[in-house]
Amino acid sequence: MTDPARGSGDLTGRLVGDIDSDLAEFLRTRANTFLKWDLVRFFHENPHTADTAENIGRYAGRDAIAIANELREMAGDGVLDTHFLGDMAIYTLTENRETRALIARFIEACQDRTFKVKAVYQVIRGMR
């Protein structure tokens, strides 16, 4: 049976068929919104950041309320670690080497316009 995501020459198949399977999975499960994608990039570019949702939102140019849930989900997905200072959540990039390497591959792949178009399509498709 043909995988509908891969298709046989249709647009969907061409847009997702040749994305590396690890990166495709990362897009489906961990960077599955544009906000998460921005946060992945932010933490990759600032790997020593350890801060609250409010401050991360300020640095990333996003509203803290809008990113608080995304940060929690990313921590649950293993992209970020959460540490608590009293009742205040502090977020940091995961120390997991495999996840960091996957993030680096994702950020590098995003430099390629064709990959980026395919990745954007994946995120939009997942929003349905």
N, C-alpha and C. Protein backbone atom coordinates (compact mmCIF):
# COMPACT_ATOMS: atom_id res chain seq x y z
N MET A 1 0.84 -1.18 0.00
CA MET A 1 0.00 0.00 0.00
C MET A 1 0.88 1.24 0.00
N THR A 2 0.53 2.25 -0.76
CA THR A 2 1.31 3.46 -0.87
C THR A 2 1.08 4.37 0.32
N ASP A 3 2.16 4.89 0.87
CA ASP A 3 2.06 5.84 1.98
C ASP A 3 1.53 7.15 1.42
N PRO A 4 0.37 7.65 1.89
CA PRO A 4 -0.20 8.87 1.35
C PRO A 4 0.71 10.08 1.54
N ALA A 5 1.55 10.07 2.55
CA ALA A 5 2.45 11.21 2.76
C ALA A 5 3.53 11.23 1.69
N ARG A 6 3.85 10.07 1.13
CA ARG A 6 4.89 10.02 0.12
C ARG A 6 4.32 10.14 -1.29
N GLY A 7 3.14 9.63 -1.49
CA GLY A 7 2.48 9.74 -2.78
C GLY A 7 3.28 9.09 -3.88
N SER A 8 2.80 9.22 -5.08
CA SER A 8 3.53 8.69 -6.24
C SER A 8 3.55 9.77 -7.29
N GLY A 9 4.31 10.83 -7.02
CA GLY A 9 4.41 11.91 -7.98
C GLY A 9 3.49 13.06 -7.67
N ASP A 10 2.62 12.94 -6.69
CA ASP A 10 1.75 14.06 -6.37
C ASP A 10 2.54 15.12 -5.60
N LEU A 11 1.96 16.29 -5.43
CA LEU A 11 2.62 17.39 -4.77
C LEU A 11 3.04 17.05 -3.35
N THR A 12 2.16 16.43 -2.59
CA THR A 12 2.48 16.07 -1.22
C THR A 12 3.69 15.15 -1.19
N GLY A 13 3.70 14.17 -2.03
CA GLY A 13 4.83 13.24 -2.07
C GLY A 13 6.13 13.93 -2.40
N ARG A 14 6.09 14.86 -3.33
CA ARG A 14 7.31 15.59 -3.70
C ARG A 14 7.76 16.51 -2.58
N LEU A 15 6.82 17.05 -1.80
CA LEU A 15 7.19 17.99 -0.75
C LEU A 15 7.67 17.33 0.53
N VAL A 16 7.34 16.08 0.75
CA VAL A 16 7.79 15.44 1.99
C VAL A 16 8.59 14.18 1.74
N GLY A 17 8.55 13.65 0.55
CA GLY A 17 9.14 12.35 0.26
C GLY A 17 10.63 12.24 0.48
N ASP A 18 11.38 13.30 0.24
CA ASP A 18 12.83 13.15 0.32
C ASP A 18 13.46 13.89 1.50
N ILE A 19 12.67 14.28 2.48
CA ILE A 19 13.23 14.84 3.70
C ILE A 19 13.79 13.68 4.53
N ASP A 20 14.99 13.85 5.03
CA ASP A 20 15.60 12.85 5.91
C ASP A 20 14.58 12.43 6.97
N SER A 21 14.47 11.14 7.22
CA SER A 21 13.42 10.64 8.11
C SER A 21 13.55 11.19 9.53
N ASP A 22 14.77 11.36 10.04
CA ASP A 22 14.95 11.92 11.38
C ASP A 22 14.47 13.38 11.43
N LEU A 23 14.78 14.14 10.39
CA LEU A 23 14.36 15.54 10.35
C LEU A 23 12.85 15.64 10.15
N ALA A 24 12.28 14.76 9.34
CA ALA A 24 10.83 14.76 9.15
C ALA A 24 10.12 14.45 10.47
N GLU A 25 10.65 13.49 11.22
CA GLU A 25 10.07 13.15 12.52
C GLU A 25 10.21 14.32 13.49
N PHE A 26 11.35 15.00 13.47
CA PHE A 26 11.58 16.17 14.31
C PHE A 26 10.54 17.24 14.00
N LEU A 27 10.26 17.44 12.72
CA LEU A 27 9.24 18.42 12.32
C LEU A 27 7.84 18.00 12.76
N ARG A 28 7.53 16.73 12.65
CA ARG A 28 6.19 16.24 13.02
C ARG A 28 5.95 16.28 14.52
N THR A 29 7.00 16.06 15.31
CA THR A 29 6.78 15.87 16.73
C THR A 29 7.38 16.92 17.65
N ARG A 30 8.41 17.63 17.21
CA ARG A 30 9.11 18.53 18.13
C ARG A 30 9.14 19.99 17.66
N ALA A 31 9.22 20.21 16.39
CA ALA A 31 9.23 21.58 15.84
C ALA A 31 8.02 21.73 14.94
N ASN A 32 6.86 21.34 15.48
CA ASN A 32 5.65 21.23 14.67
C ASN A 32 4.79 22.49 14.63
N THR A 33 5.33 23.60 15.14
CA THR A 33 4.69 24.90 14.96
C THR A 33 5.79 25.88 14.59
N PHE A 34 5.40 26.98 13.98
CA PHE A 34 6.41 27.97 13.62
C PHE A 34 7.03 28.61 14.85
N LEU A 35 6.27 28.72 15.90
CA LEU A 35 6.81 29.27 17.15
C LEU A 35 7.87 28.32 17.73
N LYS A 36 7.59 27.03 17.74
CA LYS A 36 8.59 26.07 18.22
C LYS A 36 9.83 26.11 17.34
N TRP A 37 9.62 26.24 16.06
CA TRP A 37 10.73 26.32 15.11
C TRP A 37 11.62 27.52 15.47
N ASP A 38 10.99 28.67 15.73
CA ASP A 38 11.74 29.86 16.15
C ASP A 38 12.48 29.63 17.46
N LEU A 39 11.83 28.94 18.39
CA LEU A 39 12.46 28.68 19.68
C LEU A 39 13.62 27.69 19.55
N VAL A 40 13.49 26.70 18.69
CA VAL A 40 14.60 25.78 18.43
C VAL A 40 15.79 26.58 17.90
N ARG A 41 15.53 27.46 16.94
CA ARG A 41 16.61 28.29 16.39
C ARG A 41 17.21 29.18 17.47
N PHE A 42 16.36 29.80 18.30
CA PHE A 42 16.83 30.68 19.37
C PHE A 42 17.76 29.93 20.32
N PHE A 43 17.35 28.76 20.78
CA PHE A 43 18.17 28.00 21.72
C PHE A 43 19.43 27.45 21.06
N HIS A 44 19.34 27.11 19.78
CA HIS A 44 20.53 26.65 19.07
C HIS A 44 21.56 27.78 18.98
N GLU A 45 21.09 28.98 18.69
CA GLU A 45 21.98 30.14 18.57
C GLU A 45 22.44 30.66 19.93
N ASN A 46 21.73 30.32 20.99
CA ASN A 46 22.03 30.77 22.35
C ASN A 46 22.02 29.56 23.29
N PRO A 47 22.95 28.62 23.09
CA PRO A 47 22.87 27.33 23.80
C PRO A 47 23.08 27.41 25.31
N HIS A 48 23.55 28.53 25.81
CA HIS A 48 23.78 28.64 27.26
C HIS A 48 22.67 29.42 27.96
N THR A 49 21.61 29.74 27.22
CA THR A 49 20.47 30.44 27.81
C THR A 49 19.83 29.58 28.89
N ALA A 50 19.55 30.20 30.00
CA ALA A 50 18.81 29.57 31.10
C ALA A 50 17.91 30.67 31.64
N ASP A 51 16.63 30.63 31.27
CA ASP A 51 15.78 31.76 31.63
C ASP A 51 14.32 31.36 31.67
N THR A 52 13.51 32.32 32.09
CA THR A 52 12.06 32.14 32.20
C THR A 52 11.40 32.36 30.85
N ALA A 53 10.14 31.93 30.76
CA ALA A 53 9.37 32.15 29.53
C ALA A 53 9.27 33.64 29.22
N GLU A 54 9.08 34.45 30.23
CA GLU A 54 8.96 35.89 30.03
C GLU A 54 10.22 36.48 29.39
N ASN A 55 11.37 36.14 29.92
CA ASN A 55 12.61 36.68 29.38
C ASN A 55 12.96 36.09 28.02
N ILE A 56 12.70 34.80 27.85
CA ILE A 56 12.95 34.18 26.55
C ILE A 56 12.07 34.83 25.50
N GLY A 57 10.81 35.08 25.85
CA GLY A 57 9.91 35.77 24.94
C GLY A 57 10.44 37.14 24.55
N ARG A 58 10.96 37.85 25.51
CA ARG A 58 11.52 39.18 25.24
C ARG A 58 12.72 39.07 24.28
N TYR A 59 13.64 38.16 24.58
CA TYR A 59 14.83 38.00 23.74
C TYR A 59 14.48 37.50 22.34
N ALA A 60 13.50 36.63 22.26
CA ALA A 60 13.11 36.05 20.98
C ALA A 60 12.10 36.93 20.22
N GLY A 61 11.69 38.02 20.85
CA GLY A 61 10.73 38.90 20.19
C GLY A 61 9.32 38.33 20.16
N ARG A 62 8.98 37.54 21.16
CA ARG A 62 7.66 36.91 21.23
C ARG A 62 7.01 37.19 22.57
N ASP A 63 5.71 37.08 22.62
CA ASP A 63 4.94 37.27 23.84
C ASP A 63 5.14 36.07 24.76
N ALA A 64 5.45 36.33 26.02
CA ALA A 64 5.73 35.26 26.99
C ALA A 64 4.54 34.32 27.13
N ILE A 65 3.35 34.85 27.15
CA ILE A 65 2.16 34.00 27.29
C ILE A 65 2.05 33.07 26.09
N ALA A 66 2.36 33.59 24.91
CA ALA A 66 2.27 32.77 23.70
C ALA A 66 3.29 31.64 23.70
N ILE A 67 4.45 31.86 24.30
CA ILE A 67 5.47 30.82 24.24
C ILE A 67 5.50 29.89 25.45
N ALA A 68 4.83 30.25 26.53
CA ALA A 68 4.90 29.44 27.75
C ALA A 68 4.48 27.99 27.49
N ASN A 69 3.37 27.79 26.81
CA ASN A 69 2.91 26.42 26.51
C ASN A 69 3.87 25.71 25.57
N GLU A 70 4.40 26.45 24.59
CA GLU A 70 5.33 25.84 23.64
C GLU A 70 6.60 25.39 24.37
N LEU A 71 7.10 26.22 25.27
CA LEU A 71 8.29 25.85 26.04
C LEU A 71 8.04 24.59 26.87
N ARG A 72 6.87 24.52 27.51
CA ARG A 72 6.53 23.33 28.30
C ARG A 72 6.48 22.08 27.42
N GLU A 73 5.86 22.22 26.25
CA GLU A 73 5.78 21.07 25.33
C GLU A 73 7.16 20.66 24.86
N MET A 74 8.00 21.65 24.55
CA MET A 74 9.35 21.33 24.08
C MET A 74 10.16 20.65 25.18
N ALA A 75 9.93 21.04 26.42
CA ALA A 75 10.59 20.35 27.54
C ALA A 75 10.08 18.92 27.64
N GLY A 76 8.78 18.74 27.48
CA GLY A 76 8.21 17.40 27.50
C GLY A 76 8.70 16.53 26.36
N ASP A 77 9.04 17.15 25.24
CA ASP A 77 9.54 16.43 24.06
C ASP A 77 11.05 16.21 24.10
N GLY A 78 11.71 16.71 25.14
CA GLY A 78 13.14 16.49 25.27
C GLY A 78 14.02 17.49 24.54
N VAL A 79 13.45 18.53 23.97
CA VAL A 79 14.24 19.55 23.29
C VAL A 79 14.85 20.50 24.32
N LEU A 80 14.09 20.78 25.36
CA LEU A 80 14.53 21.66 26.44
C LEU A 80 14.52 20.90 27.76
N ASP A 81 15.26 21.44 28.72
CA ASP A 81 15.19 20.96 30.09
C ASP A 81 14.53 22.05 30.91
N THR A 82 13.82 21.66 31.94
CA THR A 82 13.18 22.61 32.84
C THR A 82 13.78 22.43 34.23
N HIS A 83 14.16 23.55 34.82
CA HIS A 83 14.65 23.58 36.20
C HIS A 83 13.75 24.56 36.93
N PHE A 84 13.52 24.33 38.20
CA PHE A 84 12.64 25.22 38.95
C PHE A 84 13.42 25.97 40.01
N LEU A 85 13.14 27.25 40.07
CA LEU A 85 13.66 28.13 41.10
C LEU A 85 12.43 28.57 41.88
N GLY A 86 12.14 27.86 42.96
CA GLY A 86 10.85 28.07 43.63
C GLY A 86 9.77 27.54 42.71
N ASP A 87 8.82 28.39 42.38
CA ASP A 87 7.76 27.98 41.45
C ASP A 87 7.99 28.53 40.04
N MET A 88 9.17 29.12 39.81
CA MET A 88 9.49 29.71 38.51
C MET A 88 10.24 28.70 37.64
N ALA A 89 9.69 28.42 36.45
CA ALA A 89 10.32 27.48 35.51
C ALA A 89 11.44 28.20 34.75
N ILE A 90 12.60 27.55 34.71
CA ILE A 90 13.76 28.05 33.97
C ILE A 90 14.03 27.03 32.86
N TYR A 91 14.11 27.52 31.63
CA TYR A 91 14.29 26.63 30.48
C TYR A 91 15.71 26.74 29.95
N THR A 92 16.25 25.58 29.59
CA THR A 92 17.57 25.50 28.97
C THR A 92 17.50 24.49 27.83
N LEU A 93 18.43 24.61 26.91
CA LEU A 93 18.54 23.63 25.84
C LEU A 93 18.95 22.30 26.47
N THR A 94 18.40 21.22 25.98
CA THR A 94 18.73 19.90 26.50
C THR A 94 20.23 19.65 26.46
N GLU A 95 20.69 18.85 27.38
CA GLU A 95 22.09 18.43 27.38
C GLU A 95 22.29 17.16 26.55
N ASN A 96 21.19 16.55 26.12
CA ASN A 96 21.24 15.31 25.36
C ASN A 96 21.98 15.54 24.03
N ARG A 97 23.10 14.86 23.86
CA ARG A 97 23.96 15.06 22.67
C ARG A 97 23.25 14.71 21.37
N GLU A 98 22.49 13.63 21.39
CA GLU A 98 21.78 13.22 20.16
C GLU A 98 20.76 14.26 19.75
N THR A 99 20.02 14.79 20.72
CA THR A 99 19.01 15.81 20.41
C THR A 99 19.69 17.08 19.93
N ARG A 100 20.78 17.47 20.57
CA ARG A 100 21.52 18.66 20.13
C ARG A 100 22.05 18.48 18.71
N ALA A 101 22.54 17.29 18.41
CA ALA A 101 23.04 17.02 17.05
C ALA A 101 21.90 17.09 16.04
N LEU A 102 20.74 16.56 16.40
CA LEU A 102 19.57 16.62 15.52
C LEU A 102 19.14 18.06 15.29
N ILE A 103 19.15 18.86 16.34
CA ILE A 103 18.81 20.28 16.21
C ILE A 103 19.80 20.97 15.29
N ALA A 104 21.08 20.69 15.46
CA ALA A 104 22.10 21.29 14.59
C ALA A 104 21.88 20.90 13.13
N ARG A 105 21.54 19.63 12.89
CA ARG A 105 21.25 19.18 11.52
C ARG A 105 20.04 19.91 10.96
N PHE A 106 19.01 20.07 11.79
CA PHE A 106 17.80 20.77 11.37
C PHE A 106 18.12 22.22 11.00
N ILE A 107 18.85 22.92 11.86
CA ILE A 107 19.19 24.32 11.59
C ILE A 107 20.04 24.42 10.33
N GLU A 108 20.99 23.51 10.16
CA GLU A 108 21.82 23.51 8.95
C GLU A 108 20.97 23.24 7.71
N ALA A 109 20.07 22.27 7.80
CA ALA A 109 19.20 21.94 6.66
C ALA A 109 18.33 23.13 6.28
N CYS A 110 17.95 23.93 7.26
CA CYS A 110 17.09 25.10 6.99
C CYS A 110 17.81 26.16 6.16
N GLN A 111 19.12 26.04 6.02
CA GLN A 111 19.86 26.98 5.17
C GLN A 111 19.58 26.71 3.69
N ASP A 112 19.11 25.50 3.40
CA ASP A 112 18.77 25.11 2.04
C ASP A 112 17.32 25.51 1.75
N ARG A 113 17.14 26.32 0.75
CA ARG A 113 15.79 26.84 0.43
C ARG A 113 14.78 25.72 0.14
N THR A 114 15.20 24.72 -0.58
CA THR A 114 14.29 23.62 -0.92
C THR A 114 13.84 22.89 0.34
N PHE A 115 14.79 22.59 1.24
CA PHE A 115 14.42 21.94 2.49
C PHE A 115 13.46 22.83 3.26
N LYS A 116 13.75 24.11 3.32
CA LYS A 116 12.92 25.03 4.11
C LYS A 116 11.49 25.05 3.59
N VAL A 117 11.32 25.06 2.29
CA VAL A 117 9.97 25.04 1.69
C VAL A 117 9.26 23.75 2.10
N LYS A 118 9.97 22.65 2.04
CA LYS A 118 9.37 21.37 2.42
C LYS A 118 9.03 21.34 3.91
N ALA A 119 9.91 21.90 4.72
CA ALA A 119 9.67 21.94 6.17
C ALA A 119 8.46 22.82 6.50
N VAL A 120 8.36 23.96 5.84
CA VAL A 120 7.21 24.85 6.05
C VAL A 120 5.93 24.11 5.68
N TYR A 121 5.95 23.39 4.57
CA TYR A 121 4.79 22.62 4.15
C TYR A 121 4.41 21.59 5.22
N GLN A 122 5.43 20.91 5.78
CA GLN A 122 5.17 19.92 6.82
C GLN A 122 4.46 20.55 8.02
N VAL A 123 4.94 21.71 8.45
CA VAL A 123 4.34 22.38 9.61
C VAL A 123 2.90 22.79 9.30
N ILE A 124 2.71 23.39 8.14
CA ILE A 124 1.35 23.81 7.76
C ILE A 124 0.43 22.60 7.68
N ARG A 125 0.91 21.54 7.07
CA ARG A 125 0.12 20.32 6.93
C ARG A 125 -0.27 19.76 8.31
N GLY A 126 0.64 19.85 9.27
CA GLY A 126 0.37 19.36 10.61
C GLY A 126 -0.60 20.23 11.40
N MET A 127 -0.80 21.46 10.96
CA MET A 127 -1.70 22.39 11.66
C MET A 127 -3.16 22.11 11.35
N ARG A 128 -3.42 21.32 10.35
CA ARG A 128 -4.81 21.04 9.94
C ARG A 128 -5.55 20.28 10.98
